N, C-alpha and C. Protein backbone atom coordinates (compact mmCIF):
# COMPACT_ATOMS: atom_id res chain seq x y z
N MET A 1 10.13 16.53 79.06
CA MET A 1 9.58 17.26 77.96
C MET A 1 8.40 16.49 77.37
N ILE A 2 7.38 17.24 77.03
CA ILE A 2 6.22 16.66 76.37
C ILE A 2 6.16 17.26 74.98
N GLY A 3 6.16 16.40 73.97
CA GLY A 3 6.22 16.86 72.59
C GLY A 3 4.87 16.88 71.91
N LEU A 4 4.73 17.83 71.00
CA LEU A 4 3.52 17.98 70.20
C LEU A 4 3.95 18.05 68.75
N GLU A 5 3.48 17.13 67.94
CA GLU A 5 3.85 17.05 66.53
C GLU A 5 2.86 17.87 65.70
N THR A 6 3.37 18.83 64.92
CA THR A 6 2.53 19.63 64.03
C THR A 6 3.08 19.53 62.61
N HIS A 7 2.37 20.11 61.66
CA HIS A 7 2.83 20.08 60.28
C HIS A 7 4.08 20.95 60.09
N LEU A 8 4.35 21.83 61.04
CA LEU A 8 5.55 22.67 60.96
C LEU A 8 6.76 22.06 61.67
N GLY A 9 6.53 21.05 62.47
CA GLY A 9 7.62 20.41 63.20
C GLY A 9 7.16 19.97 64.58
N THR A 10 8.11 19.77 65.49
CA THR A 10 7.83 19.30 66.83
C THR A 10 7.94 20.45 67.82
N ILE A 11 6.96 20.53 68.70
CA ILE A 11 6.99 21.51 69.79
C ILE A 11 7.18 20.73 71.08
N GLU A 12 8.17 21.13 71.87
CA GLU A 12 8.42 20.48 73.15
C GLU A 12 8.15 21.46 74.27
N ILE A 13 7.35 21.02 75.24
CA ILE A 13 6.97 21.85 76.38
C ILE A 13 7.52 21.19 77.63
N SER A 14 8.17 21.96 78.48
CA SER A 14 8.83 21.41 79.66
C SER A 14 7.83 21.04 80.75
N GLN A 15 8.24 20.12 81.60
CA GLN A 15 7.44 19.72 82.75
C GLN A 15 7.24 20.89 83.71
N THR A 16 8.25 21.73 83.82
CA THR A 16 8.16 22.89 84.71
C THR A 16 7.05 23.82 84.28
N TYR A 17 6.92 24.07 82.98
CA TYR A 17 5.86 24.93 82.48
C TYR A 17 4.49 24.36 82.84
N PHE A 18 4.29 23.06 82.58
CA PHE A 18 3.02 22.42 82.89
C PHE A 18 2.73 22.50 84.39
N SER A 19 3.73 22.19 85.20
CA SER A 19 3.53 22.19 86.65
C SER A 19 3.14 23.56 87.16
N ARG A 20 3.78 24.59 86.66
CA ARG A 20 3.45 25.95 87.11
C ARG A 20 2.09 26.40 86.60
N LEU A 21 1.77 26.08 85.37
CA LEU A 21 0.47 26.42 84.80
C LEU A 21 -0.67 25.75 85.59
N ILE A 22 -0.51 24.46 85.85
CA ILE A 22 -1.52 23.70 86.56
C ILE A 22 -1.60 24.11 88.02
N GLY A 23 -0.46 24.32 88.65
CA GLY A 23 -0.44 24.74 90.05
C GLY A 23 -1.13 26.08 90.26
N ASN A 24 -0.91 27.00 89.35
CA ASN A 24 -1.55 28.31 89.43
C ASN A 24 -3.06 28.18 89.26
N ALA A 25 -3.49 27.38 88.29
CA ALA A 25 -4.93 27.19 88.05
C ALA A 25 -5.61 26.51 89.24
N ALA A 26 -4.99 25.48 89.79
CA ALA A 26 -5.59 24.72 90.88
C ALA A 26 -5.63 25.54 92.17
N SER A 27 -4.56 26.23 92.50
CA SER A 27 -4.52 26.96 93.76
C SER A 27 -5.43 28.18 93.77
N SER A 28 -5.86 28.64 92.60
CA SER A 28 -6.75 29.80 92.56
C SER A 28 -8.22 29.42 92.68
N CYS A 29 -8.53 28.14 92.74
CA CYS A 29 -9.92 27.70 92.87
C CYS A 29 -10.44 27.91 94.30
N PHE A 30 -11.73 28.20 94.40
CA PHE A 30 -12.36 28.40 95.70
C PHE A 30 -12.31 27.12 96.52
N GLY A 31 -11.93 27.23 97.78
CA GLY A 31 -11.88 26.09 98.68
C GLY A 31 -10.52 25.44 98.79
N VAL A 32 -9.59 25.79 97.90
CA VAL A 32 -8.25 25.22 97.97
C VAL A 32 -7.42 26.11 98.90
N ALA A 33 -7.04 25.56 100.05
CA ALA A 33 -6.25 26.31 101.01
C ALA A 33 -4.78 26.29 100.65
N GLY A 34 -4.35 25.28 99.90
CA GLY A 34 -2.95 25.17 99.52
C GLY A 34 -2.69 23.87 98.78
N MET A 35 -1.46 23.71 98.39
CA MET A 35 -1.04 22.50 97.71
C MET A 35 -0.14 21.71 98.66
N ALA A 36 -0.21 20.39 98.59
CA ALA A 36 0.61 19.52 99.42
C ALA A 36 1.75 18.95 98.57
N ASN A 37 2.85 18.61 99.22
CA ASN A 37 3.98 18.02 98.49
C ASN A 37 3.56 16.68 97.91
N SER A 38 3.90 16.46 96.64
CA SER A 38 3.47 15.23 95.98
C SER A 38 4.58 14.20 95.86
N ASN A 39 5.81 14.59 96.12
CA ASN A 39 6.90 13.61 96.05
C ASN A 39 8.03 14.01 96.99
N ALA A 40 9.02 13.16 97.11
CA ALA A 40 10.12 13.40 98.05
C ALA A 40 10.95 14.62 97.67
N ARG A 41 11.12 14.86 96.38
CA ARG A 41 11.90 16.02 95.94
C ARG A 41 11.24 17.32 96.40
N GLN A 42 9.92 17.40 96.27
CA GLN A 42 9.21 18.59 96.71
C GLN A 42 9.25 18.73 98.23
N GLY A 43 9.18 17.61 98.94
CA GLY A 43 9.27 17.64 100.40
C GLY A 43 10.62 18.12 100.89
N LEU A 44 11.68 17.65 100.24
CA LEU A 44 13.03 18.08 100.60
C LEU A 44 13.23 19.56 100.29
N ARG A 45 12.72 20.01 99.16
CA ARG A 45 12.82 21.42 98.79
C ARG A 45 12.09 22.29 99.82
N SER A 46 10.95 21.82 100.31
CA SER A 46 10.19 22.59 101.31
C SER A 46 10.93 22.67 102.63
N LEU A 47 11.67 21.62 102.98
CA LEU A 47 12.45 21.65 104.21
C LEU A 47 13.63 22.61 104.11
N ILE A 48 14.28 22.63 102.97
CA ILE A 48 15.46 23.48 102.80
C ILE A 48 15.07 24.95 102.64
N PHE A 49 14.09 25.20 101.82
CA PHE A 49 13.65 26.58 101.54
C PHE A 49 12.27 26.79 102.16
N ARG A 50 12.21 26.95 103.45
CA ARG A 50 10.94 26.98 104.19
C ARG A 50 10.04 28.16 103.83
N HIS A 51 10.59 29.29 103.52
CA HIS A 51 9.77 30.49 103.33
C HIS A 51 9.36 30.72 101.89
N ASN A 52 9.81 29.90 100.98
CA ASN A 52 9.46 30.06 99.57
C ASN A 52 8.23 29.21 99.25
N THR A 53 7.40 29.72 98.36
CA THR A 53 6.28 28.94 97.84
C THR A 53 6.53 28.70 96.36
N TYR A 54 6.15 27.54 95.91
CA TYR A 54 6.40 27.15 94.53
C TYR A 54 5.07 26.78 93.86
N LEU A 55 4.89 27.24 92.62
CA LEU A 55 3.66 26.95 91.90
C LEU A 55 3.56 25.49 91.50
N ASP A 56 4.68 24.79 91.41
CA ASP A 56 4.63 23.39 91.00
C ASP A 56 4.44 22.43 92.17
N LYS A 57 4.27 22.97 93.37
CA LYS A 57 4.09 22.14 94.55
C LYS A 57 2.79 21.36 94.43
N GLY A 58 2.87 20.06 94.62
CA GLY A 58 1.68 19.22 94.59
C GLY A 58 1.20 18.81 93.22
N VAL A 59 2.00 19.05 92.18
CA VAL A 59 1.58 18.78 90.81
C VAL A 59 2.49 17.73 90.18
N GLY A 60 1.89 16.75 89.53
CA GLY A 60 2.62 15.77 88.75
C GLY A 60 1.99 15.66 87.37
N VAL A 61 2.82 15.68 86.33
CA VAL A 61 2.32 15.63 84.96
C VAL A 61 3.08 14.56 84.20
N LYS A 62 2.34 13.72 83.50
CA LYS A 62 2.93 12.72 82.62
C LYS A 62 2.20 12.79 81.29
N GLY A 63 2.91 12.53 80.24
CA GLY A 63 2.30 12.53 78.92
C GLY A 63 2.44 11.19 78.24
N ASP A 64 1.42 10.80 77.48
CA ASP A 64 1.50 9.62 76.64
C ASP A 64 0.82 9.94 75.31
N ASN A 65 0.64 8.94 74.49
CA ASN A 65 0.08 9.16 73.15
C ASN A 65 -1.36 9.65 73.18
N GLU A 66 -2.09 9.33 74.22
CA GLU A 66 -3.51 9.68 74.29
C GLU A 66 -3.77 11.03 74.95
N GLY A 67 -2.80 11.57 75.68
CA GLY A 67 -2.99 12.85 76.34
C GLY A 67 -2.18 12.96 77.61
N LEU A 68 -2.51 13.95 78.41
CA LEU A 68 -1.79 14.21 79.66
C LEU A 68 -2.48 13.56 80.84
N LEU A 69 -1.68 13.04 81.75
CA LEU A 69 -2.16 12.50 83.02
C LEU A 69 -1.67 13.44 84.12
N ILE A 70 -2.59 14.02 84.87
CA ILE A 70 -2.25 15.03 85.86
C ILE A 70 -2.64 14.54 87.24
N ASP A 71 -1.70 14.64 88.19
CA ASP A 71 -1.97 14.32 89.60
C ASP A 71 -1.83 15.61 90.40
N LEU A 72 -2.83 15.90 91.23
CA LEU A 72 -2.83 17.09 92.08
C LEU A 72 -3.00 16.67 93.53
N HIS A 73 -2.19 17.22 94.42
CA HIS A 73 -2.29 16.99 95.85
C HIS A 73 -2.65 18.32 96.49
N ILE A 74 -3.87 18.38 97.08
CA ILE A 74 -4.36 19.66 97.59
C ILE A 74 -4.69 19.58 99.08
N ILE A 75 -4.80 20.76 99.67
CA ILE A 75 -5.30 20.93 101.03
C ILE A 75 -6.55 21.80 100.91
N VAL A 76 -7.65 21.36 101.49
CA VAL A 76 -8.92 22.08 101.34
C VAL A 76 -9.29 22.79 102.64
N THR A 77 -10.24 23.70 102.52
CA THR A 77 -10.76 24.43 103.66
C THR A 77 -11.86 23.62 104.32
N TYR A 78 -11.82 23.52 105.63
CA TYR A 78 -12.80 22.75 106.39
C TYR A 78 -14.20 23.34 106.23
N GLY A 79 -15.20 22.48 106.10
CA GLY A 79 -16.58 22.90 106.05
C GLY A 79 -17.14 23.08 104.66
N LEU A 80 -16.32 22.94 103.65
CA LEU A 80 -16.79 23.10 102.28
C LEU A 80 -16.98 21.73 101.64
N ASN A 81 -17.80 21.68 100.62
CA ASN A 81 -18.10 20.44 99.91
C ASN A 81 -16.88 20.02 99.09
N ILE A 82 -16.23 18.95 99.49
CA ILE A 82 -15.01 18.50 98.82
C ILE A 82 -15.29 18.08 97.39
N SER A 83 -16.41 17.45 97.15
CA SER A 83 -16.76 17.03 95.80
C SER A 83 -16.87 18.22 94.86
N ALA A 84 -17.49 19.30 95.32
CA ALA A 84 -17.63 20.51 94.50
C ALA A 84 -16.28 21.16 94.24
N ILE A 85 -15.40 21.16 95.25
CA ILE A 85 -14.06 21.73 95.09
C ILE A 85 -13.29 20.94 94.04
N VAL A 86 -13.32 19.61 94.14
CA VAL A 86 -12.60 18.76 93.20
C VAL A 86 -13.14 18.93 91.78
N GLN A 87 -14.44 19.00 91.63
CA GLN A 87 -15.04 19.20 90.31
C GLN A 87 -14.62 20.55 89.71
N SER A 88 -14.59 21.58 90.55
CA SER A 88 -14.17 22.90 90.09
C SER A 88 -12.71 22.89 89.63
N ILE A 89 -11.85 22.25 90.40
CA ILE A 89 -10.43 22.15 90.05
C ILE A 89 -10.27 21.39 88.75
N THR A 90 -10.95 20.27 88.63
CA THR A 90 -10.85 19.44 87.43
C THR A 90 -11.24 20.23 86.18
N ASN A 91 -12.36 20.94 86.26
CA ASN A 91 -12.81 21.73 85.10
C ASN A 91 -11.85 22.85 84.76
N LYS A 92 -11.38 23.57 85.78
CA LYS A 92 -10.50 24.71 85.53
C LYS A 92 -9.14 24.27 84.98
N VAL A 93 -8.57 23.22 85.56
CA VAL A 93 -7.27 22.73 85.10
C VAL A 93 -7.37 22.20 83.67
N ARG A 94 -8.41 21.42 83.38
CA ARG A 94 -8.58 20.88 82.03
C ARG A 94 -8.70 22.02 81.02
N TYR A 95 -9.54 23.00 81.30
CA TYR A 95 -9.74 24.13 80.39
C TYR A 95 -8.45 24.93 80.21
N THR A 96 -7.77 25.23 81.31
CA THR A 96 -6.55 26.03 81.25
C THR A 96 -5.46 25.35 80.42
N VAL A 97 -5.24 24.07 80.66
CA VAL A 97 -4.18 23.34 79.95
C VAL A 97 -4.52 23.19 78.47
N GLU A 98 -5.76 22.84 78.17
CA GLU A 98 -6.13 22.64 76.76
C GLU A 98 -6.12 23.96 75.99
N GLN A 99 -6.49 25.07 76.61
CA GLN A 99 -6.45 26.36 75.93
C GLN A 99 -5.03 26.87 75.76
N ALA A 100 -4.18 26.65 76.75
CA ALA A 100 -2.81 27.18 76.69
C ALA A 100 -1.89 26.37 75.78
N THR A 101 -2.13 25.06 75.69
CA THR A 101 -1.18 24.21 74.96
C THR A 101 -1.77 23.51 73.75
N GLY A 102 -3.07 23.32 73.70
CA GLY A 102 -3.68 22.58 72.62
C GLY A 102 -3.60 21.07 72.80
N LEU A 103 -3.03 20.62 73.91
CA LEU A 103 -2.94 19.19 74.19
C LEU A 103 -4.19 18.71 74.92
N THR A 104 -4.52 17.45 74.74
CA THR A 104 -5.69 16.86 75.38
C THR A 104 -5.32 16.37 76.78
N VAL A 105 -6.18 16.66 77.74
CA VAL A 105 -6.01 16.15 79.09
C VAL A 105 -6.81 14.86 79.20
N LYS A 106 -6.11 13.75 79.37
CA LYS A 106 -6.76 12.44 79.43
C LYS A 106 -7.41 12.21 80.79
N LYS A 107 -6.69 12.51 81.87
CA LYS A 107 -7.19 12.21 83.20
C LYS A 107 -6.58 13.15 84.22
N ILE A 108 -7.39 13.56 85.19
CA ILE A 108 -6.91 14.38 86.30
C ILE A 108 -7.27 13.66 87.59
N ASN A 109 -6.26 13.33 88.38
CA ASN A 109 -6.46 12.71 89.69
C ASN A 109 -6.22 13.78 90.75
N VAL A 110 -7.20 14.00 91.62
CA VAL A 110 -7.07 14.98 92.69
C VAL A 110 -7.06 14.23 94.01
N PHE A 111 -5.99 14.42 94.79
CA PHE A 111 -5.84 13.79 96.09
C PHE A 111 -5.96 14.87 97.15
N VAL A 112 -6.90 14.70 98.07
CA VAL A 112 -7.05 15.64 99.19
C VAL A 112 -6.17 15.13 100.30
N ASP A 113 -5.06 15.81 100.53
CA ASP A 113 -4.07 15.37 101.52
C ASP A 113 -4.24 16.02 102.88
N GLY A 114 -5.09 17.03 102.97
CA GLY A 114 -5.27 17.68 104.25
C GLY A 114 -6.45 18.63 104.25
N MET A 115 -6.77 19.10 105.48
CA MET A 115 -7.89 20.01 105.64
C MET A 115 -7.50 20.99 106.74
N ILE A 116 -7.76 22.29 106.51
CA ILE A 116 -7.45 23.27 107.54
C ILE A 116 -8.68 24.14 107.80
N THR A 117 -8.70 24.74 108.97
CA THR A 117 -9.76 25.69 109.30
C THR A 117 -9.21 27.09 109.13
N GLU A 118 -10.04 27.98 108.69
CA GLU A 118 -9.57 29.35 108.50
C GLU A 118 -10.24 30.29 109.46
């Protein structure tokens, strides 16, 4: 849970909400062919439930006093400018999270774990 202190009290937002929000924003960007598993739990889930897709796949979120730290593991389309794809993802994810939650995004790390041809 990531907490937000307001004058009315504390708001707690679950990791699942953040992961799904960020996964949806990142996977909808041009050039992103898919998301890669970011940890062993996601890898095991993919092995057991092969035909299901999850919006939180490839997303890691941590919160501290200064803001959110987001890790994204993506698969890109071959032949496109990776730098432009990463910049697009960074801008869209930052905007989406800050507009939806009001929390500051401190840092977004994007890891390109694969490349496919379409």
